[in-house]
């Protein structure tokens, strides 16, 4: 019974018909006739005065015209208007109006007819426009929902208050928990997006941050633990949605499952680590045998063989450097790169490195400025950083122009710069040179010897020391790398 009553209420409620373009003509026709009949019965049978309800009838039918125009568009308004005017004509005929009363009655009907038709047309047209807009919005939502459901990534969309408006099946598969539409982003399933599988506060949720700050979050990695105990690695990006005025009105989040990618990277890192360790031992033995053989050949005055062995030793050193780089990359990836910090003079370390490298350099390595500056850092890793920068300058400067090296104090930091006058680095490559395995190319797309690990390792070491590295370069005119490291507080 209650269900039937609710159905009737929804049917007669004009607001419930918004967006529905199936306009009725029977309901306006039926109700208008019923109202007219009831008015006749009331005036003739109850009041016994046929003219008693004239003014009331006008206002009642105006209300009906407005109601049906808003409920059933132009059609509903016009049908009600026609029935209303027909009832007015019936009144004139049935009451036997004559003379001036007849003229006034006809004029009234004509005037009200114009007003009613204009009213019905205006309200009905507005109603139908609203219905079209609502229908278009509903269709767009359906299209959006269909697209979202087909995406291979998880998607969550919220309104400005953090209320979830859209999710797809993939997000529920990724998180392992169903997310109800209408729930908030503080829902327990979304709080699972914590690092290392530990739930985080609602304020740390990417969607919450986006709605609060209005800034996008790109490719943040999280790990969750599903109900079955399986750990899953996820990459999350979230972005605010603005209106024309620039106000945040919603937020969208996309979640990728990168578990397989992470497992593959872990296996690759394990392989590189194992291979590097296995290569290190025979390389060390090889160098010892080469040194021993070189000593014997020197004693035998076999200069040609000694020179050949020196070339072998040089290539062995390069191979050992590569193995050490591979080991460092593996340690960086697994968080096992160790640092032993101490206080040392960076200017003295710089002079030591330049003396070592000058012997094999075609260019002249010139220290243009090097005041006494102390750092509290890992001396070996700083040796590695400076060596990488200078050898890179040597590699990418085929000519014999000087390579300029300087150290200075600047706003509480020690700033080291290495400047060459070689091939330079194109703008589009400058953001990529610190990526793992990236190599700079020349104008002919030719790469230089190496595996593209030196600058990646260099940046990771500098970042660990709370420093920064940047490059200023112009194609064909050379490059300058700047390394900034914080000075010990007593030295500032």
Protein backbone atom coordinates (compact mmCIF):
# COMPACT_ATOMS: atom_id res chain seq x y z
CA UNK A 1 0.00 0.00 0.00
CA UNK A 2 2.78 2.38 0.95
CA UNK A 3 4.60 1.59 -2.29
CA UNK A 4 1.50 2.44 -4.37
CA UNK A 5 1.03 5.69 -2.44
CA UNK A 6 4.67 6.66 -3.04
CA UNK A 7 4.25 5.85 -6.73
CA UNK A 8 1.21 8.14 -6.95
CA UNK A 9 3.08 10.93 -5.13
CA UNK A 10 6.03 10.63 -7.50
CA UNK A 11 3.65 10.69 -10.47
CA UNK A 12 1.92 13.90 -9.48
CA UNK A 13 5.09 15.60 -8.16
CA UNK A 14 6.34 17.87 -11.02
CA UNK A 15 9.89 17.91 -9.62
CA UNK A 16 10.04 14.12 -9.94
CA UNK A 17 9.34 14.51 -13.68
CA UNK A 18 12.38 16.74 -14.33
CA UNK A 19 14.61 15.20 -16.96
CA UNK A 20 11.82 12.95 -18.27
CA UNK A 21 10.77 13.85 -21.77
CA UNK A 22 7.80 11.47 -21.98
CA UNK A 23 5.17 14.18 -21.66
CA UNK A 24 1.60 13.08 -20.88
CA UNK A 25 -1.56 14.47 -22.48
CA UNK A 26 -4.07 12.20 -20.75
CA UNK A 27 -3.34 13.37 -17.20
CA UNK A 28 -3.71 17.14 -17.99
CA UNK A 29 -6.87 16.39 -20.03
CA UNK A 30 -8.40 14.20 -17.33
CA UNK A 31 -7.61 16.44 -14.36
CA UNK A 32 -8.69 19.65 -16.12
CA UNK A 33 -12.04 18.13 -17.04
CA UNK A 34 -12.47 16.78 -13.49
CA UNK A 35 -11.74 20.22 -12.00
CA UNK A 36 -14.22 21.88 -14.37
CA UNK A 37 -16.92 19.33 -13.51
CA UNK A 38 -16.27 19.71 -9.76
CA UNK A 39 -16.54 23.50 -10.05
CA UNK A 40 -19.88 23.15 -11.84
CA UNK A 41 -21.20 20.76 -9.20
CA UNK A 42 -19.97 23.03 -6.40
CA UNK A 43 -21.49 26.19 -7.84
CA UNK A 44 -24.76 24.72 -9.07
CA UNK A 45 -25.54 21.97 -6.58
CA UNK A 46 -23.93 23.13 -3.35
CA UNK A 47 -23.94 26.93 -3.55
CA UNK A 48 -26.92 27.14 -5.94
CA UNK A 49 -25.23 30.16 -7.52
CA UNK A 50 -23.72 29.47 -11.01
CA UNK A 51 -21.67 32.71 -10.92
CA UNK A 52 -20.24 32.23 -7.40
CA UNK A 53 -16.94 30.61 -8.40
CA UNK A 54 -16.01 32.72 -11.43
CA UNK A 55 -12.98 34.50 -9.95
CA UNK A 56 -11.87 31.41 -8.05
CA UNK A 57 -12.04 29.39 -11.26
CA UNK A 58 -9.69 31.85 -12.98
CA UNK A 59 -6.99 31.50 -10.29
CA UNK A 60 -7.51 27.74 -10.00
CA UNK A 61 -7.05 27.19 -13.73
CA UNK A 62 -4.01 29.50 -13.80
CA UNK A 63 -2.49 27.24 -11.14
CA UNK A 64 -3.40 24.16 -13.22
CA UNK A 65 -1.84 25.64 -16.38
CA UNK A 66 1.37 26.48 -14.51
CA UNK A 67 1.41 23.01 -12.90
CA UNK A 68 0.91 21.06 -16.15
CA UNK A 69 3.25 23.34 -18.13
CA UNK A 70 5.95 22.60 -15.56
CA UNK A 71 5.07 18.90 -15.41
CA UNK A 72 4.34 18.07 -19.07
CA UNK A 73 5.84 20.91 -21.03
CA UNK A 74 4.11 22.90 -23.75
CA UNK A 75 1.77 20.01 -24.53
CA UNK A 76 0.44 19.81 -20.95
CA UNK A 77 0.04 23.57 -20.71
CA UNK A 78 -1.80 23.86 -24.02
CA UNK A 79 -4.18 20.98 -23.25
CA UNK A 80 -5.06 22.54 -19.88
CA UNK A 81 -5.51 25.94 -21.56
CA UNK A 82 -7.86 24.50 -24.20
CA UNK A 83 -9.96 22.74 -21.53
CA UNK A 84 -10.01 25.92 -19.43
CA UNK A 85 -11.16 28.11 -22.33
CA UNK A 86 -13.71 25.49 -23.32
CA UNK A 87 -15.07 25.59 -19.76
CA UNK A 88 -15.27 29.39 -19.89
CA UNK A 89 -17.21 29.20 -23.17
CA UNK A 90 -19.49 26.59 -21.62
CA UNK A 91 -20.18 29.02 -18.73
CA UNK A 92 -21.10 31.80 -21.19
CA UNK A 93 -23.45 29.50 -23.13
CA UNK A 94 -24.97 27.71 -20.12
CA UNK A 95 -25.60 30.95 -18.24
CA UNK A 96 -27.36 32.48 -21.25
CA UNK A 97 -25.24 35.64 -21.31
CA UNK A 98 -26.67 38.37 -23.54
CA UNK A 99 -25.90 41.90 -24.51
CA UNK A 100 -23.10 43.64 -22.66
CA UNK A 101 -22.56 40.64 -20.36
CA UNK A 102 -21.98 38.42 -23.40
CA UNK A 103 -19.52 40.92 -24.93
CA UNK A 104 -17.63 41.22 -21.65
CA UNK A 105 -17.55 37.42 -21.26
CA UNK A 106 -16.18 36.90 -24.79
CA UNK A 107 -13.56 39.62 -24.28
CA UNK A 108 -12.53 38.04 -20.99
CA UNK A 109 -12.19 34.61 -22.60
CA UNK A 110 -10.09 36.04 -25.47
CA UNK A 111 -7.85 38.01 -23.10
CA UNK A 112 -7.40 35.08 -20.72
CA UNK A 113 -6.80 32.80 -23.71
CA UNK A 114 -3.86 34.94 -24.83
CA UNK A 115 -2.47 35.14 -21.30
CA UNK A 116 -2.91 31.39 -20.71
CA UNK A 117 -1.32 30.38 -24.02
CA UNK A 118 1.66 32.72 -23.44
CA UNK A 119 2.02 31.40 -19.88
CA UNK A 120 1.80 27.78 -21.02
CA UNK A 121 4.22 28.32 -23.90
CA UNK A 122 6.79 30.14 -21.74
CA UNK A 123 6.74 27.77 -18.77
CA UNK A 124 6.42 24.70 -21.01
CA UNK A 125 9.37 25.78 -23.17
CA UNK A 126 11.54 26.44 -20.09
CA UNK A 127 10.52 23.04 -18.69
CA UNK A 128 11.51 21.27 -21.93
CA UNK A 129 14.84 23.14 -22.06
CA UNK A 130 15.56 22.09 -18.48
CA UNK A 131 14.67 18.50 -19.38
CA UNK A 132 17.06 18.56 -22.35
CA UNK A 133 19.88 19.90 -20.20
CA UNK A 134 19.22 17.29 -17.50
CA UNK A 135 19.02 14.55 -20.12
CA UNK A 136 22.30 15.71 -21.66
CA UNK A 137 23.96 15.75 -18.24
CA UNK A 138 22.62 12.27 -17.47
CA UNK A 139 23.89 11.00 -20.84
CA UNK A 140 27.31 12.53 -20.20
CA UNK A 141 27.43 10.86 -16.80
CA UNK A 142 26.53 7.55 -18.42
CA UNK A 143 29.24 8.01 -21.03
CA UNK A 144 31.73 8.94 -18.33
CA UNK A 145 30.73 5.94 -16.23
CA UNK A 146 30.99 3.62 -19.24
CA UNK A 147 34.45 4.96 -20.08
CA UNK A 148 35.59 4.72 -16.45
CA UNK A 149 34.39 1.13 -16.19
CA UNK A 150 36.41 0.13 -19.27
CA UNK A 151 39.67 1.68 -18.10
CA UNK A 152 42.43 -0.78 -17.11
CA UNK A 153 43.31 1.41 -14.09
CA UNK A 154 41.43 2.18 -10.90
CA UNK A 155 39.47 5.46 -10.89
CA UNK A 156 37.89 7.39 -8.02
CA UNK A 157 36.08 10.72 -8.49
CA UNK A 158 34.80 12.85 -5.60
CA UNK A 159 32.92 16.11 -5.26
CA UNK A 160 34.39 19.19 -3.56
CA UNK A 161 33.39 17.89 -0.13
CA UNK A 162 35.20 14.57 -0.54
CA UNK A 163 32.05 12.57 -1.27
CA UNK A 164 32.69 9.75 -3.76
CA UNK A 165 30.62 10.13 -6.93
CA UNK A 166 32.25 7.60 -9.28
CA UNK A 167 34.35 4.46 -8.90
CA UNK A 168 35.03 1.64 -11.32
CA UNK A 169 35.30 -2.10 -10.86
CA UNK A 170 39.08 -2.00 -11.27
CA UNK A 171 39.57 0.14 -8.14
CA UNK A 172 37.69 -2.41 -6.07
CA UNK A 173 39.80 -5.20 -7.58
CA UNK A 174 43.01 -3.30 -6.76
CA UNK A 175 42.05 -2.45 -3.17
CA UNK A 176 40.23 -5.70 -2.54
CA UNK A 177 37.32 -3.86 -0.88
CA UNK A 178 34.05 -2.48 -2.28
CA UNK A 179 33.73 1.31 -2.11
CA UNK A 180 30.10 2.51 -1.84
CA UNK A 181 29.05 5.50 -3.94
CA UNK A 182 28.29 8.37 -1.59
CA UNK A 183 30.89 7.37 0.99
CA UNK A 184 33.63 9.81 1.89
CA UNK A 185 37.36 9.56 1.16
CA UNK A 186 37.89 8.80 4.84
CA UNK A 187 36.30 5.40 4.06
CA UNK A 188 38.47 2.63 5.50
CA UNK A 189 39.21 1.11 2.10
CA UNK A 190 40.85 4.33 0.88
CA UNK A 191 42.81 4.75 4.11
CA UNK A 192 44.58 1.54 3.14
CA UNK A 193 46.65 3.63 0.73
CA UNK A 194 49.52 3.84 3.21
CA UNK A 195 53.21 3.34 2.63
CA UNK A 196 54.50 -0.12 3.50
CA UNK A 197 50.93 -1.31 3.92
CA UNK A 198 50.27 0.79 7.03
CA UNK A 199 47.06 2.86 6.98
CA UNK A 200 47.54 6.63 6.96
CA UNK A 201 45.47 9.46 8.32
CA UNK A 202 42.69 10.79 6.11
CA UNK A 203 44.65 14.04 5.65
CA UNK A 204 47.44 12.07 3.95
CA UNK A 205 45.10 10.56 1.37
CA UNK A 206 46.00 11.86 -2.14
CA UNK A 207 42.40 12.94 -2.84
CA UNK A 208 42.21 14.82 0.47
CA UNK A 209 45.49 16.59 -0.29
CA UNK A 210 44.31 17.55 -3.77
CA UNK A 211 41.02 18.98 -2.48
CA UNK A 212 42.83 20.86 0.29
CA UNK A 213 45.78 22.26 -1.69
CA UNK A 214 44.32 22.42 -5.21
CA UNK A 215 47.58 20.94 -6.56
CA UNK A 216 47.98 17.70 -8.48
CA UNK A 217 49.85 14.67 -7.12
CA UNK A 218 51.80 12.73 -9.74
CA UNK A 219 52.93 9.09 -9.52
CA UNK A 220 53.17 8.62 -5.76
CA UNK A 221 53.82 5.02 -4.79
CA UNK A 222 51.96 3.18 -2.03
CA UNK A 223 51.77 -0.36 -0.79
CA UNK A 224 48.66 -1.98 0.61
CA UNK A 225 47.95 -5.34 2.18
CA UNK A 226 44.76 -6.98 0.95
CA UNK A 227 42.46 -9.03 3.15
CA UNK A 228 44.10 -12.22 1.84
CA UNK A 229 47.47 -10.95 3.11
CA UNK A 230 48.92 -10.21 -0.34
CA UNK A 231 51.03 -7.05 -0.62
CA UNK A 232 50.25 -4.89 -3.64
CA UNK A 233 52.28 -1.93 -4.94
CA UNK A 234 50.22 0.92 -6.37
CA UNK A 235 51.10 4.11 -8.22
CA UNK A 236 48.65 6.91 -7.49
CA UNK A 237 48.05 10.18 -9.35
CA UNK A 238 45.36 12.65 -8.29
CA UNK A 239 44.25 15.94 -9.78
CA UNK A 240 41.76 18.69 -8.87
CA UNK A 241 38.90 19.60 -11.22
CA UNK A 242 38.26 23.35 -11.48
CA UNK A 243 35.30 25.32 -12.71
CA UNK A 244 35.59 28.36 -15.00
CA UNK A 245 36.28 30.58 -12.00
CA UNK A 246 39.22 28.37 -10.98
CA UNK A 247 37.48 26.97 -7.90
CA UNK A 248 38.00 23.30 -7.03
CA UNK A 249 34.69 21.51 -7.60
CA UNK A 250 35.87 17.89 -7.63
CA UNK A 251 38.92 15.63 -7.63
CA UNK A 252 39.90 12.55 -9.63
CA UNK A 253 42.34 9.81 -8.73
CA UNK A 254 43.91 7.15 -10.98
CA UNK A 255 45.59 4.08 -9.48
CA UNK A 256 47.91 1.71 -11.37
CA UNK A 257 48.91 -1.73 -10.13
CA UNK A 258 52.71 -1.76 -10.41
CA UNK A 259 53.25 -4.94 -8.38
CA UNK A 260 54.54 -6.92 -11.38
CA UNK A 261 56.77 -4.03 -12.42
CA UNK A 262 58.21 -3.78 -8.90
CA UNK A 263 58.80 -7.53 -8.74
CA UNK A 264 60.54 -7.43 -12.12
CA UNK A 265 62.71 -4.50 -11.02
CA UNK A 266 63.58 -6.38 -7.82
CA UNK A 267 64.58 -9.45 -9.83
CA UNK A 268 66.67 -7.29 -12.18
CA UNK A 269 68.34 -5.59 -9.23
CA UNK A 270 69.06 -8.96 -7.64
CA UNK A 271 70.55 -10.19 -10.90
CA UNK A 272 72.68 -7.07 -11.38
CA UNK A 273 73.83 -7.25 -7.77
CA UNK A 274 74.72 -10.93 -8.04
CA UNK A 275 76.41 -10.52 -11.43
CA UNK A 276 78.40 -7.52 -10.20
CA UNK A 277 79.62 -9.38 -7.14
CA UNK A 278 80.54 -12.40 -9.26
CA UNK A 279 82.46 -10.20 -11.72
CA UNK A 280 84.30 -8.27 -9.02
CA UNK A 281 86.35 -11.22 -7.74
CA UNK A 282 87.80 -12.38 -11.10
CA UNK A 283 88.47 -8.76 -12.08
CA UNK A 284 90.50 -8.20 -8.92
CA UNK A 285 92.47 -11.38 -9.60
CA UNK A 286 92.96 -10.35 -13.24
CA UNK A 287 94.44 -7.00 -12.20
CA UNK A 288 96.85 -8.72 -9.84
CA UNK A 289 98.00 -11.11 -12.59
CA UNK A 290 98.40 -8.23 -15.06
CA UNK A 291 100.46 -6.22 -12.56
CA UNK A 292 102.63 -9.27 -11.83
CA UNK A 293 103.12 -10.01 -15.54
CA UNK A 294 103.89 -6.34 -16.30
CA UNK A 295 106.62 -6.36 -13.62
CA UNK A 296 108.26 -9.43 -15.16
CA UNK A 297 108.12 -7.97 -18.68
CA UNK A 298 109.67 -4.73 -17.47
CA UNK A 299 112.51 -6.70 -15.97
CA UNK A 300 112.86 -8.49 -19.32
CA UNK A 301 112.91 -5.09 -21.11
CA UNK A 302 110.02 -6.12 -23.38
CA UNK A 303 108.60 -2.65 -23.91
CA UNK A 304 106.09 -3.70 -26.57
CA UNK A 305 104.55 -6.36 -24.33
CA UNK A 306 104.54 -3.92 -21.39
CA UNK A 307 102.59 -1.38 -23.48
CA UNK A 308 100.10 -4.06 -24.49
CA UNK A 309 99.63 -5.01 -20.84
CA UNK A 310 99.09 -1.36 -19.91
CA UNK A 311 96.27 -1.23 -22.45
CA UNK A 312 94.83 -4.44 -20.95
CA UNK A 313 95.10 -2.93 -17.48
CA UNK A 314 93.36 0.27 -18.64
CA UNK A 315 90.46 -1.73 -20.08
CA UNK A 316 90.34 -3.84 -16.92
CA UNK A 317 90.12 -0.66 -14.84
CA UNK A 318 87.23 0.55 -17.03
CA UNK A 319 85.50 -2.78 -16.59
CA UNK A 320 85.99 -2.58 -12.84
CA UNK A 321 84.54 0.94 -12.80
CA UNK A 322 81.49 -0.37 -14.68
CA UNK A 323 81.07 -3.21 -12.19
CA UNK A 324 81.38 -0.75 -9.29
CA UNK A 325 78.74 1.49 -10.94
CA UNK A 326 76.41 -1.49 -11.34
CA UNK A 327 76.92 -2.37 -7.69
CA UNK A 328 76.20 1.23 -6.65
CA UNK A 329 73.02 1.36 -8.75
CA UNK A 330 71.89 -1.92 -7.20
CA UNK A 331 72.61 -0.61 -3.70
CA UNK A 332 70.75 2.64 -4.44
CA UNK A 333 67.71 0.72 -5.67
CA UNK A 334 67.66 -1.47 -2.57
CA UNK A 335 68.56 1.34 -0.14
CA UNK A 336 71.85 -0.33 0.81
CA UNK A 337 74.31 2.30 -0.42
CA UNK A 338 76.40 3.04 2.66
CA UNK A 339 77.87 6.39 3.69
CA UNK A 340 80.63 7.14 6.18
CA UNK A 341 80.70 10.85 6.90
CA UNK A 342 83.75 12.75 8.13
CA UNK A 343 85.14 16.24 8.03
CA UNK A 344 87.58 16.93 5.18
CA UNK A 345 88.85 19.73 2.98
CA UNK A 346 87.04 19.71 -0.35
CA UNK A 347 89.72 21.91 -1.97
CA UNK A 348 92.40 19.35 -1.07
CA UNK A 349 90.28 16.49 -2.42
CA UNK A 350 89.75 18.44 -5.65
CA UNK A 351 93.51 18.94 -6.16
CA UNK A 352 94.11 15.25 -5.52
CA UNK A 353 91.54 14.21 -8.13
CA UNK A 354 92.82 16.68 -10.74
CA UNK A 355 96.40 15.38 -10.34
CA UNK A 356 95.20 11.79 -10.86
CA UNK A 357 93.04 12.56 -13.91
CA UNK A 358 95.41 15.00 -15.62
CA UNK A 359 97.76 12.15 -16.56
CA UNK A 360 95.15 10.59 -18.87
CA UNK A 361 93.41 13.82 -19.99
CA UNK A 362 93.91 15.44 -23.39
CA UNK A 363 92.46 18.66 -22.03
CA UNK A 364 94.07 20.78 -19.37
CA UNK A 365 92.20 20.56 -16.04
CA UNK A 366 92.35 24.03 -14.51
CA UNK A 367 91.27 24.84 -10.94
CA UNK A 368 90.34 28.52 -11.26
CA UNK A 369 89.19 29.12 -7.68
CA UNK A 370 89.57 26.88 -4.65
CA UNK A 371 89.50 28.47 -1.18
CA UNK A 372 89.91 26.33 1.93
CA UNK A 373 86.44 24.83 2.48
CA UNK A 374 85.59 21.95 4.78
CA UNK A 375 82.68 19.54 4.31
CA UNK A 376 81.13 16.96 6.60
CA UNK A 377 80.35 14.20 4.12
CA UNK A 378 81.43 10.81 2.81
CA UNK A 379 84.87 11.56 1.34
CA UNK A 380 84.92 8.52 -0.94
CA UNK A 381 81.47 9.34 -2.35
CA UNK A 382 82.48 12.98 -2.90
CA UNK A 383 85.60 11.67 -4.69
CA UNK A 384 83.22 9.62 -6.84
CA UNK A 385 80.99 12.65 -7.58
CA UNK A 386 83.83 14.98 -8.59
CA UNK A 387 85.55 12.27 -10.65
CA UNK A 388 82.30 11.54 -12.51
CA UNK A 389 81.79 15.20 -13.37
CA UNK A 390 85.36 15.77 -14.57
CA UNK A 391 85.55 12.52 -16.60
CA UNK A 392 82.19 13.40 -18.19
CA UNK A 393 83.60 16.80 -19.15
CA UNK A 394 86.64 15.07 -20.65
CA UNK A 395 84.44 12.60 -22.56
CA UNK A 396 82.13 15.21 -24.06
CA UNK A 397 84.94 17.67 -24.92
CA UNK A 398 86.70 16.02 -27.88
CA UNK A 399 88.98 18.99 -28.45
CA UNK A 400 91.80 20.23 -26.26
CA UNK A 401 90.08 23.21 -24.67
CA UNK A 402 90.58 23.65 -20.94
CA UNK A 403 88.15 22.24 -18.40
CA UNK A 404 87.55 24.81 -15.67
CA UNK A 405 86.90 23.70 -12.09
CA UNK A 406 86.07 25.98 -9.18
CA UNK A 407 84.80 25.83 -5.61
CA UNK A 408 83.24 28.70 -3.66
CA UNK A 409 81.07 29.50 -0.65
CA UNK A 410 77.55 30.66 -1.41
CA UNK A 411 74.73 31.18 1.13
CA UNK A 412 75.86 28.51 3.57
CA UNK A 413 76.78 26.01 0.84
CA UNK A 414 79.90 24.84 -0.89
CA UNK A 415 79.32 25.15 -4.65
CA UNK A 416 81.50 23.12 -6.99
CA UNK A 417 81.32 23.77 -10.74
CA UNK A 418 82.88 21.88 -13.67
CA UNK A 419 82.80 23.73 -16.99
CA UNK A 420 83.69 22.32 -20.40
CA UNK A 421 83.54 23.72 -23.92
CA UNK A 422 82.41 20.55 -25.69
CA UNK A 423 79.31 19.44 -27.54
CA UNK A 424 76.84 20.78 -24.98
CA UNK A 425 73.47 19.29 -24.08
CA UNK A 426 70.21 20.04 -25.87
CA UNK A 427 67.42 21.52 -23.72
CA UNK A 428 65.15 18.52 -24.17
CA UNK A 429 67.92 16.24 -22.86
CA UNK A 430 68.89 18.31 -19.82
CA UNK A 431 66.03 16.99 -17.65
CA UNK A 432 66.84 13.38 -18.54
CA UNK A 433 70.60 13.21 -18.03
CA UNK A 434 70.22 12.34 -14.33
CA UNK A 435 67.97 9.37 -15.15
CA UNK A 436 69.30 5.86 -14.92
CA UNK A 437 70.84 4.53 -18.18
CA UNK A 438 70.25 7.78 -20.09
CA UNK A 439 73.02 8.85 -22.49
CA UNK A 440 73.52 12.22 -24.18
CA UNK A 441 73.66 12.16 -27.99
CA UNK A 442 75.36 14.54 -30.42
CA UNK A 443 73.86 16.17 -33.53
CA UNK A 444 74.12 12.86 -35.41
CA UNK A 445 72.27 10.96 -32.64
CA UNK A 446 75.56 9.28 -31.77
CA UNK A 447 76.10 8.20 -28.16
CA UNK A 448 79.42 8.22 -26.32
CA UNK A 449 81.09 5.36 -24.44
CA UNK A 450 79.46 4.47 -21.13
CA UNK A 451 76.21 3.12 -19.74
CA UNK A 452 74.54 6.31 -18.50
CA UNK A 453 74.91 5.49 -14.79
CA UNK A 454 77.47 8.08 -13.64
CA UNK A 455 75.18 11.11 -13.36
CA UNK A 456 72.36 8.99 -11.89
CA UNK A 457 74.69 7.76 -9.12
CA UNK A 458 76.08 11.28 -8.69
CA UNK A 459 72.64 12.79 -8.16
CA UNK A 460 71.64 10.07 -5.66
CA UNK A 461 74.80 10.67 -3.63
CA UNK A 462 74.28 14.44 -3.63
CA UNK A 463 70.60 14.07 -2.70
CA UNK A 464 71.58 11.86 0.24
CA UNK A 465 73.87 14.68 1.43
CA UNK A 466 70.92 17.15 1.21
CA UNK A 467 72.56 18.87 -1.73
CA UNK A 468 71.53 19.66 -5.29
CA UNK A 469 72.95 19.36 -8.79
CA UNK A 470 72.01 21.22 -11.95
CA UNK A 471 73.37 21.84 -15.42
CA UNK A 472 73.60 24.97 -17.56
CA UNK A 473 74.33 24.11 -21.16
CA UNK A 474 73.95 25.26 -24.73
CA UNK A 475 74.20 22.95 -27.71
CA UNK A 476 77.64 23.25 -29.33
CA UNK A 477 79.02 25.61 -26.67
CA UNK A 478 79.68 23.35 -23.70
CA UNK A 479 78.18 22.61 -20.29
CA UNK A 480 78.64 23.65 -16.68
CA UNK A 481 77.55 21.35 -13.86
CA UNK A 482 76.90 22.92 -10.46
CA UNK A 483 76.92 20.89 -7.24
CA UNK A 484 75.72 22.58 -4.05
CA UNK A 485 76.37 20.94 -0.65
CA UNK A 486 75.54 22.33 2.81
CA UNK A 487 78.53 23.49 4.86
CA UNK A 488 78.94 22.39 8.48
CA UNK A 489 77.19 24.96 10.68
CA UNK A 490 80.41 26.15 12.31
CA UNK A 491 81.89 26.76 8.86
CA UNK A 492 79.02 28.94 7.61
